[in-house]
Amino acid sequence: MPAGLMSLEHGGDLALARAHFPDCVEPLIDLSTGINPNPYALPPLPLAVFARLPEPDALERLALAAAAAYGAPSIHTVAPAPGTQMLLPAIAALRPAGRVAVLAPTYTEHLRVASLIGHRAEEVADIGRLARADLAYVVNPNNPDGRLISRNDLLAIADELRSHGGILVADEAFMDVAETEMSLARDVERGNIVVLRSFGKFFGLAGLRLGFAMAAPELTERLKGWLGPWPVSGAAIEIGQTALSDREWARQTRASLKRSAERLDHLLSGCGRFEIVGGTSLFRLAQMPSAGEVYFHLGRAGIFVRRFAEQPQWLRFGLPGNESAWMRLRTALAQLT
């Protein structure tokens, strides 16, 4: 098994949580994901979005809203998709089978999918080793530790990759809650940069399955060709366009998530067992020698958090979504001491 977090387990699997903790307190509180627990309010949808195939101009309006929200140069650099996960095979196929480097430890799907496509894929801890790959992946901000690499450093790597035809893939799934000037979306016309953005995490609508790839027009057309003529549902188009255009909601939500992350840090640090070692405003990463014990204690209390097989001292906590959930987490942590 490669170094890092190579595991097919992910957060959000409530059936798995109940299998692990069959006698847990209900309702189960899911803190195992990095999804906004207070989602964007759905706009009213006409029946036609379900009764008809999406029109091309509707998809273009969604791409225009995404380009404006993320800072991409134009709609010709934006490929909407049914979640960024569905883009991973297409991105891995942008280069013939060769060497893939994924900056680790991080989200494991980039490594897994690149290997399935036929690449020699490995995780690397040294950012300098990315420049020698055919495809180099960076999750920025990183999951699970929130590591953020500067735009200038990533552009320098992209320049080195360009010298031998390599491509830099920046997965910016959590960039909505980071400093937006760190995004590479504005730089994709350099030709060898692909940026991924997840809609569902920040807007709290992961089940909608909506995401975007941004790249130079030639690469974008190749990705669109892989996805086919109706890549996104009519409902996702309407909801995505409305939400991405709602800048005031986004501004208020960033501030609210930041306050909640600070509250969670205070709560975890205050119980005396946890050291906060990273995260974003959507999740916090805590370190402790007794992480396994804490995981099972919280699980029995009906609170599901994310653990990591390759980093057994880590637990990742998502944000509680209401005061009842905050109180149950506080009570469970107090019982630890």
Protein backbone atom coordinates (compact mmCIF):
# COMPACT_ATOMS: atom_id res chain seq x y z
CA MET A 1 0.00 0.00 0.00
CA PRO A 2 1.46 3.42 -0.93
CA ALA A 3 2.34 5.87 1.79
CA GLY A 4 -0.38 8.24 2.90
CA LEU A 5 -4.11 7.63 3.24
CA MET A 6 -4.71 4.79 0.78
CA SER A 7 -8.11 3.56 1.85
CA LEU A 8 -11.42 3.13 0.05
CA GLU A 9 -13.36 4.25 3.12
CA HIS A 10 -14.75 7.78 2.95
CA GLY A 11 -16.84 9.93 5.20
CA GLY A 12 -20.61 10.12 5.01
CA ASP A 13 -21.36 6.37 5.01
CA LEU A 14 -24.10 6.22 7.63
CA ALA A 15 -24.86 2.55 6.94
CA LEU A 16 -21.24 1.78 7.81
CA ALA A 17 -21.49 3.92 10.92
CA ARG A 18 -24.57 2.04 12.13
CA ALA A 19 -22.88 -1.29 11.36
CA HIS A 20 -19.91 -0.23 13.51
CA PHE A 21 -22.13 1.14 16.26
CA PRO A 22 -25.40 -0.84 16.20
CA ASP A 23 -26.44 0.39 19.66
CA CYS A 24 -25.48 4.03 19.13
CA VAL A 25 -27.58 6.94 20.30
CA GLU A 26 -29.99 8.17 17.63
CA PRO A 27 -30.35 10.31 15.65
CA LEU A 28 -26.83 9.80 14.35
CA ILE A 29 -24.82 13.02 13.96
CA ASP A 30 -22.58 12.79 10.89
CA LEU A 31 -19.38 14.79 11.41
CA SER A 32 -17.39 12.55 9.05
CA THR A 33 -17.59 14.81 5.98
CA GLY A 34 -16.41 18.26 4.96
CA ILE A 35 -19.86 19.32 3.73
CA ASN A 36 -21.59 22.50 4.88
CA PRO A 37 -24.24 21.23 7.35
CA ASN A 38 -26.53 24.18 6.54
CA PRO A 39 -27.24 23.92 2.81
CA TYR A 40 -28.29 26.54 0.32
CA ALA A 41 -32.09 26.89 0.20
CA LEU A 42 -33.38 25.26 -2.97
CA PRO A 43 -35.14 27.57 -5.43
CA PRO A 44 -38.53 26.51 -6.81
CA LEU A 45 -38.06 24.34 -9.89
CA PRO A 46 -40.45 24.14 -12.86
CA LEU A 47 -41.59 20.67 -13.87
CA ALA A 48 -39.90 21.15 -17.25
CA VAL A 49 -36.41 20.72 -15.74
CA PHE A 50 -37.37 17.13 -14.93
CA ALA A 51 -39.52 16.43 -18.01
CA ARG A 52 -37.05 17.55 -20.71
CA LEU A 53 -33.41 16.96 -21.52
CA PRO A 54 -31.34 20.03 -20.64
CA GLU A 55 -30.93 22.52 -23.48
CA PRO A 56 -27.38 23.50 -24.51
CA ASP A 57 -28.01 27.15 -23.72
CA ALA A 58 -28.98 26.22 -20.15
CA LEU A 59 -25.67 24.42 -19.74
CA GLU A 60 -23.91 27.51 -21.11
CA ARG A 61 -25.65 29.71 -18.53
CA LEU A 62 -24.42 27.37 -15.79
CA ALA A 63 -20.88 27.53 -17.19
CA LEU A 64 -21.10 31.33 -17.28
CA ALA A 65 -22.19 31.44 -13.62
CA ALA A 66 -19.35 29.09 -12.67
CA ALA A 67 -16.76 31.10 -14.61
CA ALA A 68 -17.87 34.29 -12.83
CA ALA A 69 -17.95 32.66 -9.38
CA TYR A 70 -14.59 30.89 -9.70
CA GLY A 71 -12.68 33.42 -11.78
CA ALA A 72 -12.23 31.34 -14.93
CA PRO A 73 -11.45 33.32 -18.11
CA SER A 74 -14.60 32.32 -20.06
CA ILE A 75 -17.28 29.68 -20.49
CA HIS A 76 -14.98 28.01 -23.02
CA THR A 77 -12.70 27.05 -20.12
CA VAL A 78 -15.46 25.48 -17.99
CA ALA A 79 -16.76 21.90 -18.20
CA PRO A 80 -19.77 21.20 -15.91
CA ALA A 81 -20.01 17.62 -14.66
CA PRO A 82 -22.16 15.42 -12.40
CA GLY A 83 -19.66 15.82 -9.57
CA THR A 84 -15.89 16.11 -9.87
CA GLN A 85 -15.54 12.38 -9.20
CA MET A 86 -16.94 11.70 -12.67
CA LEU A 87 -14.22 13.85 -14.21
CA LEU A 88 -11.31 11.88 -12.75
CA PRO A 89 -11.10 9.18 -15.45
CA ALA A 90 -11.33 11.80 -18.20
CA ILE A 91 -8.57 13.85 -16.61
CA ALA A 92 -6.35 10.80 -16.17
CA ALA A 93 -6.87 10.04 -19.87
CA LEU A 94 -5.60 13.48 -20.98
CA ARG A 95 -2.10 11.96 -21.06
CA PRO A 96 -0.98 8.54 -22.34
CA ALA A 97 -0.12 6.03 -19.64
CA GLY A 98 2.89 7.39 -17.81
CA ARG A 99 3.95 8.65 -14.41
CA VAL A 100 1.43 10.22 -12.04
CA ALA A 101 2.45 11.95 -8.81
CA VAL A 102 -0.05 12.90 -6.11
CA LEU A 103 1.08 15.19 -3.31
CA ALA A 104 0.29 13.26 -0.13
CA PRO A 105 -1.20 12.59 2.32
CA THR A 106 -4.50 13.48 0.70
CA TYR A 107 -7.77 12.36 -0.85
CA THR A 108 -7.13 8.93 -2.34
CA GLU A 109 -9.34 8.88 -5.43
CA HIS A 110 -6.88 10.66 -7.73
CA LEU A 111 -4.30 7.95 -7.12
CA ARG A 112 -6.81 5.11 -7.43
CA VAL A 113 -8.41 6.31 -10.67
CA ALA A 114 -5.07 7.15 -12.32
CA SER A 115 -3.87 3.62 -11.51
CA LEU A 116 -7.04 2.11 -13.01
CA ILE A 117 -6.49 4.10 -16.22
CA GLY A 118 -3.02 2.53 -16.51
CA HIS A 119 -0.64 5.15 -15.11
CA ARG A 120 2.25 4.37 -12.78
CA ALA A 121 0.78 6.34 -9.92
CA GLU A 122 2.49 7.15 -6.64
CA GLU A 123 2.05 9.47 -3.70
CA VAL A 124 4.92 11.87 -3.02
CA ALA A 125 5.65 13.94 0.07
CA ASP A 126 8.07 16.36 -1.64
CA ILE A 127 6.35 18.98 -3.79
CA GLY A 128 9.47 19.21 -5.97
CA ARG A 129 8.88 15.67 -7.25
CA LEU A 130 5.63 16.73 -8.91
CA ALA A 131 7.51 18.50 -11.69
CA ARG A 132 8.91 15.22 -13.05
CA ALA A 133 5.48 13.62 -13.57
CA ASP A 134 3.27 13.43 -16.65
CA LEU A 135 0.26 14.22 -14.48
CA ALA A 136 0.76 15.96 -11.13
CA TYR A 137 -2.10 16.25 -8.63
CA VAL A 138 -2.38 18.72 -5.77
CA VAL A 139 -5.43 19.02 -3.53
CA ASN A 140 -5.45 22.67 -2.52
CA PRO A 141 -6.55 23.34 0.22
CA ASN A 142 -5.70 19.82 1.15
CA ASN A 143 -7.99 17.19 2.61
CA PRO A 144 -7.60 16.35 5.48
CA ASP A 145 -4.99 18.76 6.89
CA GLY A 146 -5.92 22.00 5.07
CA ARG A 147 -2.40 22.45 3.65
CA LEU A 148 -2.48 25.40 1.23
CA ILE A 149 0.19 25.85 -1.43
CA SER A 150 0.67 29.30 -2.87
CA ARG A 151 -0.45 30.13 -6.37
CA ASN A 152 3.06 31.22 -7.35
CA ASP A 153 4.57 27.90 -6.22
CA LEU A 154 2.00 25.96 -8.21
CA LEU A 155 2.51 28.09 -11.31
CA ALA A 156 6.24 27.40 -11.07
CA ILE A 157 5.52 23.66 -11.01
CA ALA A 158 3.17 24.04 -13.98
CA ASP A 159 5.95 25.81 -15.91
CA GLU A 160 8.35 22.92 -15.22
CA LEU A 161 5.73 20.38 -16.24
CA ARG A 162 5.07 22.24 -19.49
CA SER A 163 8.67 21.68 -20.59
CA HIS A 164 7.95 17.97 -21.10
CA GLY A 165 4.22 18.05 -21.81
CA GLY A 166 3.09 17.43 -18.24
CA ILE A 167 -0.21 18.62 -16.76
CA LEU A 168 -0.90 20.02 -13.30
CA VAL A 169 -4.28 19.10 -11.78
CA ALA A 170 -5.35 21.32 -8.87
CA ASP A 171 -8.30 19.91 -6.95
CA GLU A 172 -9.78 23.00 -5.29
CA ALA A 173 -12.79 21.29 -3.73
CA PHE A 174 -12.43 23.40 -0.58
CA MET A 175 -11.19 26.65 -2.17
CA ASP A 176 -14.57 28.32 -1.55
CA VAL A 177 -13.59 28.76 2.11
CA ALA A 178 -9.94 29.66 1.44
CA GLU A 179 -8.32 32.80 0.07
CA THR A 180 -9.77 32.94 -3.43
CA GLU A 181 -6.69 34.66 -4.85
CA MET A 182 -4.87 31.35 -4.27
CA SER A 183 -7.00 29.65 -6.94
CA LEU A 184 -5.49 28.70 -10.30
CA ALA A 185 -8.81 29.13 -12.12
CA ARG A 186 -7.69 32.40 -13.71
CA ASP A 187 -4.52 30.71 -15.00
CA VAL A 188 -5.95 27.76 -16.91
CA GLU A 189 -5.34 29.33 -20.34
CA ARG A 190 -1.62 28.73 -19.77
CA GLY A 191 -2.48 25.38 -21.34
CA ASN A 192 -1.38 22.65 -18.92
CA ILE A 193 -3.45 23.38 -15.82
CA VAL A 194 -6.74 21.69 -14.90
CA VAL A 195 -8.69 23.03 -11.90
CA LEU A 196 -11.48 21.07 -10.23
CA ARG A 197 -14.18 22.76 -8.17
CA SER A 198 -16.83 20.98 -6.13
CA PHE A 199 -20.23 22.64 -5.83
CA GLY A 200 -21.75 20.38 -3.19
CA LYS A 201 -19.34 20.90 -0.30
CA PHE A 202 -19.60 24.67 0.17
CA PHE A 203 -23.27 24.86 -0.78
CA GLY A 204 -24.12 21.82 1.34
CA LEU A 205 -25.78 20.01 -1.58
CA ALA A 206 -23.46 17.08 -2.18
CA GLY A 207 -26.36 14.88 -3.26
CA LEU A 208 -27.02 17.16 -6.23
CA ARG A 209 -23.80 15.83 -7.81
CA LEU A 210 -22.42 18.92 -9.51
CA GLY A 211 -18.84 19.94 -10.14
CA PHE A 212 -16.65 21.70 -12.67
CA ALA A 213 -13.34 21.31 -14.46
CA MET A 214 -11.60 24.43 -15.73
CA ALA A 215 -8.85 24.21 -18.31
CA ALA A 216 -7.65 25.68 -21.59
CA PRO A 217 -10.35 25.44 -24.29
CA GLU A 218 -8.70 22.48 -26.07
CA LEU A 219 -8.52 20.44 -22.86
CA THR A 220 -12.01 21.54 -21.85
CA GLU A 221 -13.44 20.26 -25.14
CA ARG A 222 -11.75 16.90 -24.60
CA LEU A 223 -13.30 16.65 -21.14
CA LYS A 224 -16.73 17.63 -22.49
CA GLY A 225 -16.40 14.97 -25.17
CA TRP A 226 -15.76 12.35 -22.52
CA LEU A 227 -18.85 13.44 -20.54
CA GLY A 228 -21.22 13.53 -23.51
CA PRO A 229 -24.07 15.89 -24.51
CA TRP A 230 -26.12 15.92 -21.25
CA PRO A 231 -23.55 15.81 -18.46
CA VAL A 232 -25.64 17.60 -15.82
CA SER A 233 -29.32 17.24 -14.91
CA GLY A 234 -31.78 20.05 -15.48
CA ALA A 235 -32.31 20.39 -11.73
CA ALA A 236 -28.56 20.69 -11.09
CA ILE A 237 -28.29 23.34 -13.81
CA GLU A 238 -31.05 25.49 -12.33
CA ILE A 239 -29.92 25.13 -8.71
CA GLY A 240 -26.25 25.55 -9.56
CA GLN A 241 -26.78 28.70 -11.62
CA THR A 242 -28.91 30.29 -8.89
CA ALA A 243 -26.56 29.42 -6.04
CA LEU A 244 -23.34 30.37 -7.83
CA SER A 245 -24.82 33.78 -8.63
CA ASP A 246 -25.83 34.44 -5.01
CA ARG A 247 -22.70 36.31 -3.87
CA GLU A 248 -24.28 37.65 -0.68
CA TRP A 249 -25.15 34.15 0.52
CA ALA A 250 -21.59 33.08 -0.21
CA ARG A 251 -20.13 36.02 1.71
CA GLN A 252 -22.30 35.41 4.76
CA THR A 253 -21.69 31.67 4.65
CA ARG A 254 -17.90 32.03 4.58
CA ALA A 255 -18.09 34.20 7.69
CA SER A 256 -20.47 31.78 9.43
CA LEU A 257 -18.34 28.73 8.62
CA LYS A 258 -15.24 30.51 9.91
CA ARG A 259 -16.97 31.20 13.23
CA SER A 260 -18.13 27.59 13.49
CA ALA A 261 -14.62 26.27 12.77
CA GLU A 262 -13.20 28.50 15.51
CA ARG A 263 -15.91 27.27 17.89
CA LEU A 264 -15.05 23.66 17.07
CA ASP A 265 -11.33 24.30 17.67
CA HIS A 266 -12.16 25.79 21.06
CA LEU A 267 -14.40 22.86 21.97
CA LEU A 268 -11.88 20.20 20.93
CA SER A 269 -8.90 21.94 22.52
CA GLY A 270 -10.82 22.57 25.72
CA CYS A 271 -11.35 18.89 26.50
CA GLY A 272 -7.60 18.40 26.92
CA ARG A 273 -7.04 15.47 24.56
CA PHE A 274 -6.81 17.06 21.13
CA GLU A 275 -4.17 19.02 19.26
CA ILE A 276 -5.60 20.82 16.23
CA VAL A 277 -3.16 20.15 13.41
CA GLY A 278 -5.03 21.60 10.42
CA GLY A 279 -8.23 21.79 8.44
CA THR A 280 -10.42 24.32 6.68
CA SER A 281 -13.57 26.15 7.71
CA LEU A 282 -15.54 23.02 6.72
CA PHE A 283 -13.58 20.49 8.80
CA ARG A 284 -10.91 20.34 11.48
CA LEU A 285 -8.14 17.77 11.85
CA ALA A 286 -7.23 16.76 15.39
CA GLN A 287 -4.37 14.62 16.60
CA MET A 288 -4.23 12.52 19.75
CA PRO A 289 -2.54 9.27 20.85
CA SER A 290 -5.93 7.75 21.80
CA ALA A 291 -7.71 8.56 18.53
CA GLY A 292 -9.10 5.03 18.17
CA GLU A 293 -10.56 5.09 21.66
CA VAL A 294 -12.13 8.50 21.02
CA TYR A 295 -13.55 7.37 17.67
CA PHE A 296 -15.40 4.46 19.29
CA HIS A 297 -16.52 6.54 22.27
CA LEU A 298 -18.04 9.15 19.98
CA GLY A 299 -19.56 6.48 17.76
CA ARG A 300 -21.37 4.87 20.65
CA ALA A 301 -22.65 8.35 21.53
CA GLY A 302 -24.10 8.61 18.01
CA ILE A 303 -21.42 10.96 16.65
CA PHE A 304 -19.65 9.71 13.52
CA VAL A 305 -16.23 11.25 12.75
CA ARG A 306 -13.59 10.41 10.14
CA ARG A 307 -10.59 8.27 11.00
CA PHE A 308 -7.61 7.30 8.84
CA ALA A 309 -6.12 3.82 8.64
CA GLU A 310 -2.67 5.12 7.70
CA GLN A 311 -2.66 7.93 10.27
CA PRO A 312 -4.19 6.28 13.37
CA GLN A 313 -3.52 9.33 15.56
CA TRP A 314 -5.80 11.55 13.42
CA LEU A 315 -9.52 12.25 13.59
CA ARG A 316 -11.30 14.70 11.30
CA PHE A 317 -14.36 16.54 12.56
CA GLY A 318 -16.97 18.18 10.37
CA LEU A 319 -19.12 21.01 11.67
CA PRO A 320 -22.24 20.36 13.78
CA GLY A 321 -25.26 21.77 12.00
CA ASN A 322 -27.39 22.99 14.92
CA GLU A 323 -27.27 23.69 18.64
CA SER A 324 -28.56 20.24 19.54
CA ALA A 325 -25.63 18.66 17.67
CA TRP A 326 -23.16 21.05 19.30
CA MET A 327 -24.52 20.13 22.74
CA ARG A 328 -24.30 16.39 22.10
CA LEU A 329 -20.70 16.74 20.92
CA ARG A 330 -19.84 18.86 23.98
CA THR A 331 -21.42 16.29 26.31
CA ALA A 332 -19.64 13.35 24.63
CA LEU A 333 -16.28 15.12 24.82
CA ALA A 334 -16.82 15.99 28.47
CA GLN A 335 -17.36 12.30 29.22
CA LEU A 336 -13.88 11.59 27.87
CA THR A 337 -12.28 13.54 30.68
